[in-house]
Protein backbone atom coordinates (compact mmCIF):
# COMPACT_ATOMS: atom_id res chain seq x y z
CA MET A 1 -46.98 14.97 7.06
CA LYS A 2 -44.95 17.04 9.24
CA ILE A 3 -43.49 13.88 11.07
CA LYS A 4 -42.42 12.69 7.46
CA ASN A 5 -40.41 16.07 6.49
CA ILE A 6 -38.66 15.77 10.05
CA LYS A 7 -37.76 11.89 9.29
CA LYS A 8 -36.49 12.90 5.66
CA ILE A 9 -34.31 15.66 7.22
CA PHE A 10 -32.93 13.68 9.92
CA VAL A 11 -32.19 10.92 7.54
CA ILE A 12 -30.40 13.48 5.62
CA LYS A 13 -28.51 14.88 8.49
CA ASN A 14 -27.03 11.25 9.72
CA ASN A 15 -25.97 10.94 6.13
CA LEU A 16 -24.40 14.06 5.73
CA ILE A 17 -22.50 13.57 9.32
CA LEU A 18 -21.45 10.24 8.01
CA PHE A 19 -20.20 10.98 4.95
CA LEU A 20 -18.18 14.06 6.74
CA ILE A 21 -16.80 11.16 8.78
CA ILE A 22 -15.42 9.08 5.85
CA ILE A 23 -13.94 12.28 4.34
CA LEU A 24 -12.16 13.29 7.15
CA SER A 25 -10.92 9.74 7.98
CA THR A 26 -9.60 9.31 4.40
CA PHE A 27 -7.93 12.53 4.49
CA SER A 28 -6.42 11.71 7.70
CA ILE A 29 -5.21 8.46 6.21
CA THR A 30 -3.81 10.07 3.22
CA LEU A 31 -1.92 12.81 5.10
CA PHE A 32 -0.52 10.11 7.76
CA ASN A 33 1.15 8.34 5.18
CA PHE A 34 2.17 11.31 3.04
CA ILE A 35 4.40 12.14 6.69
CA ASN A 36 5.76 9.04 6.62
CA ASN A 37 6.65 8.68 3.03
CA SER A 38 8.20 12.27 3.51
CA HIS A 39 9.92 11.14 6.86
CA ALA A 40 11.09 7.84 4.98
CA SER A 41 12.40 9.93 1.97
CA THR A 42 14.11 12.31 3.95
CA LYS A 43 16.19 9.49 5.66
CA LEU A 44 17.43 7.91 2.16
CA LYS A 45 18.41 11.22 1.11
CA THR A 46 20.66 12.06 3.50
CA VAL A 47 23.62 11.11 1.17
CA LYS A 48 22.86 14.51 -0.64
CA LEU A 49 24.23 15.73 2.63
CA PHE A 50 27.56 14.17 2.60
CA ASN A 51 30.25 16.44 3.58
CA PHE A 52 34.20 15.77 4.83
CA SER A 53 36.74 18.01 5.70
CA SER A 54 40.39 17.43 3.75
CA LYS A 55 42.39 14.67 5.21
CA ASN A 56 40.16 12.82 7.31
CA SER A 57 41.96 10.47 9.69
CA LEU A 58 39.77 6.74 8.64
CA SER A 59 39.62 3.84 11.38
CA ILE A 60 38.16 0.35 10.64
CA LYS A 61 35.29 1.54 12.76
CA LYS A 62 34.97 5.00 11.17
CA ALA A 63 34.74 2.68 7.64
CA PHE A 64 31.84 0.93 8.58
CA PHE A 65 29.69 3.86 9.96
CA TYR A 66 29.88 5.45 7.04
CA ALA A 67 29.53 2.61 4.87
CA LEU A 68 26.24 1.77 7.11
CA LYS A 69 25.28 5.26 6.33
CA TYR A 70 25.99 5.70 2.38
CA ASN A 71 26.37 2.47 0.71
CA LYS A 72 24.34 2.00 -2.25
CA LEU A 73 23.57 -1.97 -1.56
CA ILE A 74 22.56 -1.20 1.73
CA LYS A 75 20.31 1.59 0.58
CA ILE A 76 18.75 -0.54 -1.86
CA ALA A 77 18.12 -3.13 1.02
CA LYS A 78 16.16 -0.53 2.90
CA TYR A 79 14.30 0.38 0.09
CA LYS A 80 12.95 -3.03 -0.68
CA LEU A 81 12.16 -3.54 3.61
CA GLN A 82 10.06 -0.22 3.18
CA ASP A 83 8.13 -1.61 0.33
CA SER A 84 7.55 -4.83 1.91
CA LYS A 85 5.78 -2.63 5.00
CA TYR A 86 3.28 -1.18 2.49
CA ASP A 87 2.59 -4.76 1.61
CA GLU A 88 2.15 -5.58 4.81
CA ASN A 89 -0.30 -2.66 5.08
CA GLU A 90 -2.04 -3.60 2.06
CA ALA A 91 -2.61 -6.92 3.47
CA PHE A 92 -4.08 -5.64 6.77
CA SER A 93 -6.30 -3.42 4.76
CA GLY A 94 -8.20 -6.94 4.11
CA PHE A 95 -9.80 -7.28 7.56
CA LEU A 96 -11.15 -3.65 7.04
CA PRO A 97 -14.70 -2.88 5.81
CA LYS A 98 -14.71 -1.41 2.36
CA ILE A 99 -16.63 1.81 2.08
CA ASN A 100 -17.58 3.60 -1.25
CA PHE A 101 -20.18 6.38 -1.89
CA ASN A 102 -21.45 6.57 -5.80
CA GLU A 103 -23.73 9.59 -7.21
CA ILE A 104 -25.15 7.96 -10.50
CA TYR A 105 -27.51 10.28 -12.54
CA MET A 106 -29.28 8.26 -15.54
CA ASN A 107 -31.74 9.40 -18.30
CA THR A 108 -33.63 6.53 -20.16
CA ASN A 109 -36.33 5.79 -21.75
CA ASN A 110 -35.61 1.95 -21.47
CA PRO A 111 -38.72 0.54 -19.80
CA LEU A 112 -37.17 -1.88 -17.32
CA TYR A 113 -34.70 0.88 -15.99
CA ALA A 114 -37.87 3.62 -16.19
CA PHE A 115 -40.36 1.89 -14.35
CA GLY A 116 -37.46 0.63 -11.81
CA ASN A 117 -36.69 4.67 -11.43
CA ILE A 118 -40.36 5.39 -10.82
CA LEU A 119 -40.18 2.30 -8.15
CA ASN A 120 -36.97 3.58 -6.23
CA GLN A 121 -38.41 7.14 -6.61
CA ARG A 122 -41.58 5.84 -4.60
CA VAL A 123 -43.55 8.18 -6.57
CA LEU A 124 -46.44 5.85 -7.00
CA THR A 125 -49.91 6.84 -5.75
CA ASN A 126 -53.55 5.68 -5.93
CA GLN A 127 -54.15 8.43 -8.21
CA ASN A 128 -51.17 7.78 -10.80
CA ALA A 129 -50.74 4.06 -10.40
CA GLN A 130 -53.23 3.42 -13.49
CA TYR A 131 -51.15 5.31 -15.75
CA TYR A 132 -47.62 3.83 -14.41
CA PHE A 133 -49.00 0.57 -14.95
CA SER A 134 -50.74 1.03 -18.16
CA PRO A 135 -49.23 -0.66 -20.97
CA SER A 136 -48.96 2.72 -22.93
CA PHE A 137 -46.42 3.85 -19.97
CA LEU A 138 -44.59 0.52 -20.12
CA ASP A 139 -44.15 0.21 -23.58
CA SER A 140 -42.82 4.00 -24.15
CA PRO A 141 -42.05 5.66 -21.02
CA GLY A 142 -40.97 8.48 -22.44
CA MET A 143 -37.32 10.13 -21.10
CA ILE A 144 -37.29 9.18 -17.49
CA GLN A 145 -34.43 10.95 -15.37
CA ASN A 146 -33.25 9.82 -11.62
CA TYR A 147 -30.70 10.83 -9.20
CA GLU A 148 -29.04 7.93 -7.19
CA SER A 149 -26.98 8.13 -4.45
CA ASN A 150 -25.23 5.15 -3.23
CA PHE A 151 -23.68 4.62 0.45
CA GLN A 152 -21.91 1.02 0.34
CA ILE A 153 -20.10 -1.08 3.00
CA GLU A 154 -18.73 -4.40 2.58
CA GLU A 155 -17.09 -6.35 5.19
CA PRO A 156 -15.91 -10.07 4.38
CA ILE A 157 -16.63 -12.18 7.72
CA PHE A 158 -14.60 -15.46 6.50
CA MET A 159 -12.77 -16.04 3.08
CA GLY A 160 -11.17 -19.45 3.91
CA GLY A 161 -8.40 -18.01 5.76
CA LYS A 162 -6.83 -15.89 2.96
CA ILE A 163 -7.20 -12.76 4.37
CA TYR A 164 -5.62 -13.71 7.87
CA LEU A 165 -3.20 -16.29 6.36
CA GLY A 166 -2.28 -13.16 3.39
CA TYR A 167 -1.35 -10.62 6.38
CA GLN A 168 0.89 -13.52 8.39
CA ARG A 169 2.41 -14.22 4.97
CA ALA A 170 3.02 -10.47 4.55
CA VAL A 171 4.52 -10.07 7.82
CA LEU A 172 6.85 -13.11 7.64
CA HIS A 173 7.94 -11.60 4.07
CA LYS A 174 8.90 -8.30 5.83
CA ASP A 175 10.79 -10.05 8.57
CA ALA A 176 12.67 -11.96 6.05
CA LEU A 177 13.62 -8.84 4.26
CA LYS A 178 15.04 -7.46 7.55
CA LYS A 179 17.51 -10.61 7.34
CA ASN A 180 18.34 -9.65 3.93
CA LEU A 181 19.13 -6.04 4.93
CA SER A 182 20.96 -7.57 7.78
CA GLU A 183 23.04 -9.73 5.62
CA SER A 184 23.50 -6.97 2.79
CA GLN A 185 25.17 -4.83 5.62
CA GLN A 186 27.37 -7.56 7.13
CA LYS A 187 28.81 -8.57 3.39
CA VAL A 188 29.20 -4.72 2.84
CA LEU A 189 31.10 -4.57 6.14
CA TYR A 190 33.42 -7.31 4.86
CA ASP A 191 33.85 -5.53 1.77
CA VAL A 192 34.88 -2.31 3.28
CA ALA A 193 37.22 -4.43 5.62
CA LYS A 194 38.82 -6.33 2.63
CA ALA A 195 38.91 -2.97 0.59
CA TYR A 196 40.20 -0.89 3.86
CA TYR A 197 43.17 -3.36 4.65
CA SER A 198 43.84 -3.64 1.07
CA ALA A 199 44.44 -0.02 1.00
CA ASP A 200 46.50 -0.29 4.30
CA LEU A 201 48.51 -3.09 2.67
CA ALA A 202 49.26 -0.87 -0.19
CA LEU A 203 50.32 1.77 1.36
CA ARG A 204 52.61 -0.35 3.70
CA TYR A 205 54.45 -1.37 0.14
CA VAL A 206 54.72 2.56 -0.62
CA ASN A 207 56.39 3.07 2.77
CA LEU A 208 58.95 -0.04 1.96
CA MET A 209 59.50 0.83 -1.59
CA LYS A 210 60.26 4.41 0.04
CA ASN A 211 62.56 3.12 2.71
CA LEU A 212 64.44 0.90 0.00
CA VAL A 213 64.88 3.79 -2.47
CA LYS A 214 66.72 5.28 0.73
CA THR A 215 68.51 2.27 1.11
CA MET A 216 69.79 1.81 -2.61
CA ARG A 217 70.76 5.63 -2.77
CA VAL A 218 72.89 5.04 0.47
CA TYR A 219 74.25 1.86 -1.58
CA LYS A 220 74.86 3.88 -4.83
CA ASN A 221 76.88 6.42 -2.87
CA LEU A 222 78.77 3.73 -1.11
CA THR A 223 79.47 2.49 -4.10
CA ASP A 224 80.72 5.31 -6.22
CA ASN A 225 82.86 5.98 -3.10
CA LEU A 226 84.19 2.26 -3.25
CA TYR A 227 84.93 2.99 -6.87
CA LYS A 228 87.00 6.19 -6.26
CA GLU A 229 88.95 4.22 -3.99
CA GLY A 230 89.62 1.67 -6.34
CA GLN A 231 87.98 -1.24 -4.04
CA VAL A 232 85.04 -2.05 -6.99
CA VAL A 233 84.73 -1.82 -10.73
CA SER A 234 82.71 0.50 -13.07
CA SER A 235 80.28 -1.79 -13.85
CA ASP A 236 78.89 -2.11 -10.15
CA VAL A 237 78.60 1.63 -10.37
CA LEU A 238 76.38 1.43 -13.41
CA ARG A 239 74.31 -1.66 -11.47
CA ALA A 240 73.91 0.37 -8.58
CA LYS A 241 72.25 3.35 -10.83
CA VAL A 242 69.99 0.94 -12.40
CA ALA A 243 68.92 -0.93 -8.90
CA LEU A 244 67.96 2.69 -7.79
CA ALA A 245 65.94 3.81 -10.82
CA SER A 246 64.37 0.11 -10.75
CA MET A 247 63.35 0.96 -7.40
CA LYS A 248 61.87 4.51 -7.86
CA GLU A 249 60.35 2.66 -10.62
CA LYS A 250 58.70 0.27 -8.00
CA PHE A 251 57.81 2.98 -5.63
CA ALA A 252 56.04 5.16 -8.10
CA SER A 253 53.77 1.90 -8.93
CA ALA A 254 53.14 1.74 -5.63
CA LYS A 255 52.03 4.97 -5.06
CA LYS A 256 49.59 4.67 -7.98
CA ASN A 257 48.09 1.49 -6.60
CA TYR A 258 47.55 2.99 -3.05
CA LYS A 259 45.67 5.80 -4.88
CA ILE A 260 43.77 3.03 -6.49
CA ALA A 261 43.07 1.38 -3.46
CA LEU A 262 41.73 4.61 -1.82
CA TYR A 263 39.31 4.82 -4.72
CA TYR A 264 38.00 1.26 -4.40
CA LEU A 265 37.57 1.88 -0.54
CA ASN A 266 35.26 5.01 -1.09
CA ILE A 267 33.58 3.12 -3.37
CA THR A 268 32.72 0.55 -1.38
CA MET A 269 31.56 2.68 1.40
CA GLY A 270 29.66 4.75 -1.05
CA VAL A 271 31.50 7.99 -0.22
CA PRO A 272 32.44 10.24 -3.14
CA ILE A 273 35.34 8.77 -4.83
CA ASP A 274 37.86 11.66 -4.52
CA THR A 275 37.37 12.05 -0.74
CA GLU A 276 40.86 11.83 0.77
CA PHE A 277 41.47 9.81 3.90
CA ASN A 278 44.48 9.06 6.17
CA LEU A 279 44.01 5.69 7.21
CA SER A 280 45.03 5.36 10.86
CA THR A 281 45.72 1.73 12.11
CA ASN A 282 49.00 0.08 12.79
CA PHE A 283 48.14 -3.33 10.69
CA LYS A 284 48.84 -5.58 13.84
CA PHE A 285 46.92 -8.45 14.23
CA LYS A 286 44.69 -9.26 17.36
CA PRO A 287 43.80 -12.84 17.73
CA PHE A 288 40.61 -13.66 19.05
CA VAL A 289 40.30 -13.59 22.96
CA ASN A 290 38.83 -16.86 23.67
CA PRO A 291 39.60 -20.33 21.94
CA ILE A 292 37.44 -21.10 19.21
CA SER A 293 36.31 -24.49 17.69
CA ILE A 294 34.64 -25.43 14.53
CA LYS A 295 31.63 -26.88 16.13
CA THR A 296 30.97 -23.55 18.57
CA LEU A 297 31.38 -21.49 15.25
CA GLN A 298 29.00 -23.40 13.43
CA ASN A 299 26.76 -23.41 16.11
CA GLU A 300 27.01 -19.50 16.12
CA ALA A 301 26.14 -19.28 12.41
CA MET A 302 22.93 -21.39 12.98
CA ARG A 303 21.92 -18.90 15.51
CA TYR A 304 23.51 -15.66 13.96
CA ARG A 305 23.49 -15.96 10.31
CA PRO A 306 20.63 -13.69 8.67
CA ASP A 307 20.45 -15.28 5.50
CA TYR A 308 19.53 -18.64 7.15
CA LYS A 309 17.11 -16.97 9.51
CA ALA A 310 15.80 -15.37 6.36
CA MET A 311 15.37 -18.93 4.87
CA VAL A 312 13.77 -20.19 7.96
CA LEU A 313 11.10 -17.54 7.76
CA ASN A 314 10.65 -18.02 4.05
CA LYS A 315 10.16 -21.72 4.52
CA LYS A 316 7.16 -20.81 7.19
CA ASN A 317 6.01 -18.39 4.36
CA VAL A 318 5.73 -20.78 1.66
CA ALA A 319 3.83 -23.60 4.82
CA LEU A 320 1.29 -20.72 5.09
CA GLY A 321 1.06 -20.66 1.27
CA VAL A 322 0.00 -24.27 1.42
CA THR A 323 -2.49 -23.91 4.43
CA GLU A 324 -4.06 -20.84 1.74
CA ALA A 325 -4.50 -23.35 -0.97
CA GLU A 326 -5.73 -25.63 1.23
CA GLY A 327 -8.48 -22.98 2.48
CA LYS A 328 -9.65 -22.18 -1.25
CA PHE A 329 -11.77 -25.49 -0.68
CA LEU A 330 -13.53 -24.08 2.26
CA PRO A 331 -16.86 -21.66 1.54
CA LYS A 332 -16.60 -17.85 1.82
CA ILE A 333 -18.94 -15.71 3.84
CA SER A 334 -19.42 -11.93 3.23
CA ALA A 335 -21.61 -9.21 4.10
CA ALA A 336 -22.85 -5.95 2.32
CA TYR A 337 -24.91 -3.28 3.24
CA ASN A 338 -26.28 -0.55 0.49
CA TYR A 339 -28.15 2.87 1.57
CA TYR A 340 -29.98 4.29 -1.69
CA SER A 341 -31.57 7.54 -2.33
CA ASN A 342 -33.78 8.53 -5.18
CA ALA A 343 -35.28 11.26 -6.94
CA PRO A 344 -36.45 12.86 -9.87
CA THR A 345 -34.64 15.85 -9.47
CA PHE A 346 -31.31 16.35 -7.54
CA HIS A 347 -32.01 15.32 -4.24
CA PRO A 348 -34.94 17.53 -3.06
CA GLY A 349 -37.92 15.16 -1.53
CA ASP A 350 -35.22 11.98 -2.08
CA SER A 351 -36.84 8.47 -1.47
CA TYR A 352 -34.61 6.20 0.73
CA SER A 353 -34.03 2.90 0.73
CA TYR A 354 -31.67 -0.04 1.83
CA SER A 355 -30.23 -3.87 1.41
CA PHE A 356 -28.39 -5.87 3.82
CA MET A 357 -26.73 -9.20 2.62
CA ILE A 358 -25.02 -12.31 3.46
CA MET A 359 -23.57 -14.27 0.77
CA LEU A 360 -22.25 -17.59 1.07
CA HIS A 361 -19.82 -18.69 -1.58
CA PHE A 362 -18.96 -22.27 -2.17
CA ASN A 363 -16.83 -23.33 -4.95
CA ILE A 364 -17.96 -26.70 -6.16
CA PHE A 365 -15.42 -27.74 -8.91
CA SER A 366 -12.65 -25.17 -10.61
CA GLY A 367 -11.62 -26.85 -13.37
CA LEU A 368 -8.91 -28.89 -10.80
CA TYR A 369 -7.37 -25.45 -10.76
CA ASP A 370 -7.37 -25.17 -6.97
CA TYR A 371 -6.21 -28.64 -6.57
CA ASN A 372 -3.27 -28.36 -8.73
CA ASN A 373 -2.46 -24.98 -6.88
CA LEU A 374 -2.41 -26.92 -3.45
CA GLU A 375 -0.29 -29.75 -4.80
CA LYS A 376 1.87 -26.76 -6.57
CA SER A 377 2.40 -25.02 -3.00
CA ARG A 378 3.27 -28.60 -1.11
CA THR A 379 5.91 -29.12 -3.87
CA ALA A 380 7.47 -25.42 -3.24
CA LEU A 381 7.54 -26.28 0.27
CA ASN A 382 9.50 -29.52 0.13
CA THR A 383 11.77 -27.81 -2.24
CA ILE A 384 12.32 -24.78 0.14
CA ALA A 385 12.96 -27.96 2.83
CA ALA A 386 15.75 -29.28 0.84
CA TYR A 387 17.37 -26.01 0.25
CA LYS A 388 17.46 -25.11 4.00
CA ASP A 389 19.03 -28.24 4.54
CA LEU A 390 21.28 -27.75 1.87
CA PHE A 391 21.96 -24.11 2.68
CA LYS A 392 22.79 -25.52 6.23
CA ASN A 393 25.45 -27.97 5.25
CA LYS A 394 26.93 -25.19 3.07
CA ILE A 395 26.97 -22.60 6.13
CA GLU A 396 28.86 -25.38 7.85
CA MET A 397 31.46 -25.73 4.94
CA GLN A 398 32.09 -22.08 4.92
CA VAL A 399 32.83 -22.23 8.74
CA ARG A 400 34.94 -25.27 8.46
CA ASN A 401 37.01 -23.71 5.49
CA ALA A 402 36.98 -20.20 7.26
CA TYR A 403 38.62 -21.78 10.93
CA LEU A 404 40.94 -23.66 8.87
CA LYS A 405 42.29 -21.08 6.93
CA TYR A 406 42.90 -18.86 10.10
CA LYS A 407 44.65 -21.53 11.57
CA THR A 408 47.03 -22.04 8.83
CA ASP A 409 47.65 -18.44 8.38
CA ILE A 410 48.74 -17.96 11.89
CA ILE A 411 51.29 -20.44 11.25
CA ASN A 412 52.36 -18.95 8.08
CA THR A 413 52.54 -15.39 10.10
CA LYS A 414 55.02 -16.92 12.45
CA VAL A 415 57.07 -18.40 10.21
CA ALA A 416 56.99 -15.22 7.95
CA LYS A 417 57.96 -12.93 10.76
CA LEU A 418 60.74 -15.29 11.93
CA ALA A 419 61.64 -15.05 8.02
CA SER A 420 61.45 -11.25 7.81
CA LEU A 421 63.56 -10.84 11.05
CA ASN A 422 66.32 -13.11 9.45
CA ALA A 423 66.17 -11.39 6.02
CA LYS A 424 67.09 -8.05 7.80
CA LYS A 425 70.11 -9.48 9.88
CA THR A 426 70.99 -10.72 6.89
CA LEU A 427 70.82 -7.77 4.77
CA LYS A 428 72.66 -5.87 7.53
CA ILE A 429 75.46 -8.54 7.65
CA THR A 430 75.97 -8.57 3.76
CA ARG A 431 76.13 -4.66 3.70
CA ASN A 432 78.76 -4.71 6.39
CA ARG A 433 80.58 -7.15 4.22
CA TYR A 434 80.41 -5.28 1.16
CA LYS A 435 81.45 -2.33 2.74
CA ALA A 436 84.67 -4.10 3.75
CA GLY A 437 84.80 -5.23 0.56
CA ILE A 438 84.53 -8.90 1.34
CA THR A 439 81.64 -9.39 -0.98
CA THR A 440 80.53 -8.15 -4.35
CA LEU A 441 77.31 -5.64 -5.15
CA ILE A 442 75.65 -8.65 -6.76
CA ASN A 443 75.18 -10.47 -3.65
CA LEU A 444 74.17 -7.03 -1.84
CA ASP A 445 71.32 -6.71 -4.23
CA ARG A 446 70.38 -10.46 -3.90
CA THR A 447 70.06 -10.39 -0.28
CA LEU A 448 68.33 -6.56 -0.58
CA ASP A 449 65.39 -8.30 -2.73
CA ASP A 450 65.20 -11.36 -0.30
CA TYR A 451 64.52 -8.70 2.53
CA LYS A 452 62.32 -7.12 0.32
CA LYS A 453 60.27 -10.37 -0.59
CA ALA A 454 60.57 -11.45 2.93
CA LYS A 455 59.09 -8.35 4.37
CA LEU A 456 56.03 -8.15 1.89
CA ASN A 457 55.62 -11.91 2.58
CA TYR A 458 55.19 -10.81 6.14
CA ILE A 459 52.98 -7.59 5.58
CA ASN A 460 50.77 -9.84 3.20
CA SER A 461 50.58 -12.67 6.07
CA LEU A 462 49.12 -9.99 8.32
CA TYR A 463 46.74 -8.65 5.75
CA LYS A 464 45.22 -12.30 5.02
CA LEU A 465 44.80 -12.73 8.91
CA ASN A 466 43.18 -9.63 9.48
CA LEU A 467 40.69 -10.42 6.56
CA ASP A 468 40.31 -14.05 8.08
CA LYS A 469 39.04 -12.71 11.10
CA TYR A 470 36.29 -10.76 9.64
CA TYR A 471 35.67 -13.47 7.11
CA ILE A 472 34.91 -15.76 10.36
CA LYS A 473 32.94 -13.04 11.36
CA LEU A 474 30.79 -12.70 8.44
CA VAL A 475 30.25 -16.94 8.01
CA THR A 476 28.87 -16.81 11.60
CA GLY A 477 26.59 -13.69 11.04
CA THR A 478 28.30 -11.63 13.77
CA ILE A 479 30.37 -9.17 11.83
């Protein structure tokens, strides 16, 4: 009897130790996930700490830095990537055993359950066997209560490749979202470059209008002096006043457009819209150092484009889906272990038992569901393969168009520069002729307007060339 009690104490002690290990493991995993989630949340909430001093100098590189840190689209892509990591962990959990502990209290007069509880409690003896097996007890057992503790372990052995393939697909999905994050970053950087140079273009227009206002004021004073000397008529004086007022209006409009461009730049970077910057760029164009060709750029695009890489990963994912669908026709094998303790009162003098099972499951016929799922997966693979080829052709065309536009704009910029220099010289000659009384104010206004158009055309051509460079980097995935 003492030996039996010692065995019970030993079993109870082992169960308590195992139970404590499970509780501690669960607590450790929960704490680890909480710390990781808190750390990730801290990273994603750094935008609230955004602070700038007034009138910061902003270069294109610094604008890129702010965009990568604060842009909302990039943050959304990071959240999606973070979510995919949890999906990967969830898929990996399929390899791990499932451990459960159940505490069940039952009070019943159901003959089947009541007699089952008596058997589980192992209270049958030679003395009471006649009573428990008697028809009077079996027909009306009375209120029989039972306390059951159940410790379960389940482990899949072979599930037709579902767990392994599911984990591989989760990894591929996460890797594809990494490429999508890179794609989002590159698109945002291109948008920032576009907004940055648009703001700089607006600033150049402001400076041009400012200089033209000064020039028109000089011309107006010159016209006033010539009128006093009797060399021009009063209509020239009025025309000079109107031209000066018109130039002031354009100057005010240019300042408004510049402020709007700065607002849009701030929105694109993800910083507060009212943040003030001083753009630090000389707006000069620097061509590519090494000679480029369409074929070279297309090869770079196939090698670096993150969206194309994501397409390749998604195709692999869908191909694994076909293999996973084929695995549904294979048998499944799993193992389970259950450990029980039963007693009529709360656990003193428990009766212990266990069960160990290996289950083989083979799906003979599922109403063609698995077959249709397999064919659907194969169709999805053929579809994404066709999309991949189509996307490759689209990228090659984007690269070709970007290259040809870049080459064309280089020629246009050279022509615009010569036209601007020529217009400046013509304006100087016309001004001297007007001052000498050889030409009219109308001709001087027309020459000034030609100079303004030529100067704006040259500034716009520089703007286009700078964007062409970034667009080539965007379509080749190297921005």
